[in-house]
C-alpha cells in the first residue's frame, strides 16, 4: 500500500516555483504485512515497495526503511539474512548482511532491520524502490513480516538538489 503526500509547489510568494536545495518536495510511503520467506541465496522480493517521480534530475531521494518481523529458521547454524535496497530493479545498497547469524541451530526472531540512504537517481521518470532478501548461507528459511502481523515501511522523500 502506498501513500503519497505532495508538498506545495510554490515557495516565497505567489507564482514562485523554485526550491532551495535541501527542501523536501514530496513524501511517498509504502507498507506491507505480507510474510515473505526465502531459503536460497537468490534474492527474492519482500513485497515492500514504493514509487516516486522526481521533479528534477538534480534532486535526491532519501529512502527510509523499516523491515519488520525478521527471523531465521532452526535448520542450520549458518543461517543469515541478507537484505538489499533496489532502485529500478538494480541493487544499490546491502543494508543487512549476516543479520540473525548466531552460529547455532536455534530459530531466532530478531525484530526489525532498518536503514536511511540518500540516493541520486538522476531521473524524472517514475522510479520504483523495493527490498529483497536471501539466506546468505543458502540453507533454510529466513523471513520478514513474520506471522505476527508485523508491518514493514519504506518512505521516500524527494529532496531539492
Protein backbone atom coordinates (compact mmCIF):
# COMPACT_ATOMS: atom_id res chain seq x y z
CA UNK A 1 0.00 0.00 0.00
CA UNK A 2 1.50 3.33 -0.99
CA UNK A 3 0.53 6.76 0.30
CA UNK A 4 1.77 9.97 -1.30
CA UNK A 5 1.91 13.46 0.12
CA UNK A 6 2.82 16.29 -2.21
CA UNK A 7 4.01 19.49 -0.63
CA UNK A 8 3.02 22.89 -2.06
CA UNK A 9 4.67 23.73 -5.37
CA UNK A 10 5.07 27.41 -4.57
CA UNK A 11 7.52 28.90 -2.11
CA UNK A 12 8.35 32.51 -1.37
CA UNK A 13 5.14 34.09 -2.58
CA UNK A 14 2.65 33.91 -5.40
CA UNK A 15 4.00 32.23 -8.52
CA UNK A 16 7.36 31.12 -7.08
CA UNK A 17 8.35 27.72 -8.45
CA UNK A 18 11.95 27.24 -7.35
CA UNK A 19 13.12 25.50 -4.22
CA UNK A 20 16.20 25.95 -2.13
CA UNK A 21 18.49 22.92 -2.05
CA UNK A 22 17.60 20.56 0.78
CA UNK A 23 13.86 21.30 0.78
CA UNK A 24 11.53 18.30 0.94
CA UNK A 25 9.36 18.32 -2.19
CA UNK A 26 7.26 15.18 -1.74
CA UNK A 27 6.91 12.18 0.52
CA UNK A 28 5.72 8.72 -0.52
CA UNK A 29 5.29 5.73 1.79
CA UNK A 30 4.73 2.07 1.04
CA UNK A 31 3.78 -0.60 3.58
CA UNK A 32 3.34 -4.35 3.63
CA UNK A 33 2.50 -7.00 6.17
CA UNK A 34 2.64 -9.93 3.73
CA UNK A 35 5.00 -12.60 5.05
CA UNK A 36 7.93 -13.40 2.76
CA UNK A 37 10.32 -16.35 3.26
CA UNK A 38 13.40 -17.43 1.30
CA UNK A 39 15.72 -20.38 1.85
CA UNK A 40 18.13 -19.71 -1.02
CA UNK A 41 20.93 -17.26 -1.72
CA UNK A 42 18.95 -15.93 -4.70
CA UNK A 43 17.33 -12.58 -3.86
CA UNK A 44 13.52 -12.53 -3.62
CA UNK A 45 11.13 -9.58 -3.37
CA UNK A 46 9.85 -8.82 0.16
CA UNK A 47 6.67 -7.07 -1.15
CA UNK A 48 7.96 -3.79 0.37
CA UNK A 49 7.91 -1.24 -2.45
CA UNK A 50 7.12 2.39 -3.30
CA UNK A 51 7.29 4.57 -6.43
CA UNK A 52 8.34 8.19 -6.72
CA UNK A 53 8.65 10.58 -9.68
CA UNK A 54 11.36 13.18 -9.05
CA UNK A 55 10.69 16.68 -10.41
CA UNK A 56 14.33 17.24 -11.48
CA UNK A 57 17.33 15.08 -12.35
CA UNK A 58 19.37 17.01 -9.76
CA UNK A 59 17.04 16.10 -6.90
CA UNK A 60 17.86 13.34 -4.44
CA UNK A 61 15.65 10.72 -2.77
CA UNK A 62 16.04 9.95 0.92
CA UNK A 63 15.00 6.33 1.45
CA UNK A 64 13.97 5.26 4.97
CA UNK A 65 13.34 1.54 5.53
CA UNK A 66 11.98 -0.40 8.49
CA UNK A 67 11.93 -4.09 7.52
CA UNK A 68 9.92 -5.71 10.32
CA UNK A 69 9.32 -9.25 11.55
CA UNK A 70 12.78 -10.60 10.71
CA UNK A 71 13.55 -14.22 11.60
CA UNK A 72 15.63 -17.26 10.72
CA UNK A 73 14.72 -20.94 10.83
CA UNK A 74 16.41 -23.51 13.05
CA UNK A 75 17.67 -25.88 10.36
CA UNK A 76 21.30 -24.76 10.06
CA UNK A 77 23.79 -22.93 12.25
CA UNK A 78 24.89 -20.78 9.31
CA UNK A 79 21.51 -19.22 8.52
CA UNK A 80 21.79 -15.49 7.99
CA UNK A 81 19.63 -12.86 6.35
CA UNK A 82 20.77 -10.57 3.56
CA UNK A 83 18.58 -7.52 2.77
CA UNK A 84 19.13 -5.24 -0.23
CA UNK A 85 17.61 -2.00 -1.44
CA UNK A 86 16.91 -1.83 -5.17
CA UNK A 87 16.16 1.12 -7.43
CA UNK A 88 14.52 0.32 -10.78
CA UNK A 89 15.49 -3.35 -10.40
CA UNK A 90 19.17 -2.78 -9.60
CA UNK A 91 20.68 -3.28 -6.14
CA UNK A 92 22.06 -0.01 -4.76
CA UNK A 93 22.64 -0.93 -1.10
CA UNK A 94 23.09 -4.00 1.10
CA UNK A 95 21.61 -2.84 4.40
CA UNK A 96 21.78 -6.17 6.22
CA UNK A 97 24.39 -8.87 5.81
CA UNK A 98 24.70 -11.78 8.24
CA UNK A 99 21.59 -10.50 10.07
CA UNK A 100 20.37 -13.01 12.63
CA UNK A 101 23.53 -15.10 12.45
CA UNK A 102 24.03 -17.00 15.73
CA UNK A 103 26.32 -19.92 14.85
CA UNK A 104 23.65 -22.22 16.32
CA UNK A 105 20.72 -24.24 15.01
CA UNK A 106 18.22 -22.31 17.13
CA UNK A 107 15.50 -20.34 15.40
CA UNK A 108 15.65 -16.61 16.01
CA UNK A 109 13.21 -13.73 15.70
CA UNK A 110 15.21 -10.51 15.74
CA UNK A 111 12.65 -7.77 15.16
CA UNK A 112 13.36 -5.05 12.62
CA UNK A 113 16.24 -4.08 10.38
CA UNK A 114 16.34 -0.57 9.00
CA UNK A 115 18.36 1.95 7.08
CA UNK A 116 18.47 5.51 5.79
CA UNK A 117 20.03 6.07 2.38
CA UNK A 118 20.36 9.26 0.31
CA UNK A 119 20.11 8.29 -3.36
CA UNK A 120 20.79 10.28 -6.54
CA UNK A 121 18.53 8.64 -9.15
CA UNK A 122 19.24 11.33 -11.83
CA UNK A 123 15.82 10.90 -13.47
CA UNK A 124 12.40 12.49 -13.77
CA UNK A 125 10.74 9.17 -14.59
CA UNK A 126 8.65 7.16 -12.15
CA UNK A 127 11.16 5.15 -10.12
CA UNK A 128 10.47 2.05 -8.03
CA UNK A 129 12.35 1.34 -4.81
CA UNK A 130 11.98 -2.07 -3.15
CA UNK A 131 13.71 -4.51 -0.85
CA UNK A 132 14.80 -8.10 -1.45
CA UNK A 133 16.05 -10.82 0.89
CA UNK A 134 18.04 -14.03 0.70
CA UNK A 135 19.68 -16.53 3.00
CA UNK A 136 23.39 -15.85 2.73
CA UNK A 137 24.11 -19.48 3.66
CA UNK A 138 21.70 -20.97 1.08
CA UNK A 139 20.22 -23.46 3.55
CA UNK A 140 16.99 -22.88 5.48
CA UNK A 141 14.42 -20.11 5.52
CA UNK A 142 14.83 -16.51 6.58
CA UNK A 143 11.78 -14.29 6.58
CA UNK A 144 10.27 -10.84 7.02
CA UNK A 145 6.83 -9.61 8.07
CA UNK A 146 6.55 -12.92 10.02
CA UNK A 147 3.30 -14.46 11.11
CA UNK A 148 2.64 -11.90 13.85
CA UNK A 149 1.22 -9.27 11.52
CA UNK A 150 4.31 -7.04 11.54
CA UNK A 151 4.19 -4.16 9.06
CA UNK A 152 7.27 -3.01 7.16
CA UNK A 153 7.57 0.53 5.78
CA UNK A 154 9.54 2.28 3.06
CA UNK A 155 9.43 6.08 2.98
CA UNK A 156 10.73 8.07 0.01
CA UNK A 157 11.42 11.79 0.40
CA UNK A 158 12.35 13.87 -2.64
CA UNK A 159 14.94 16.47 -1.68
CA UNK A 160 15.62 19.51 -3.88
CA UNK A 161 19.12 19.35 -5.36
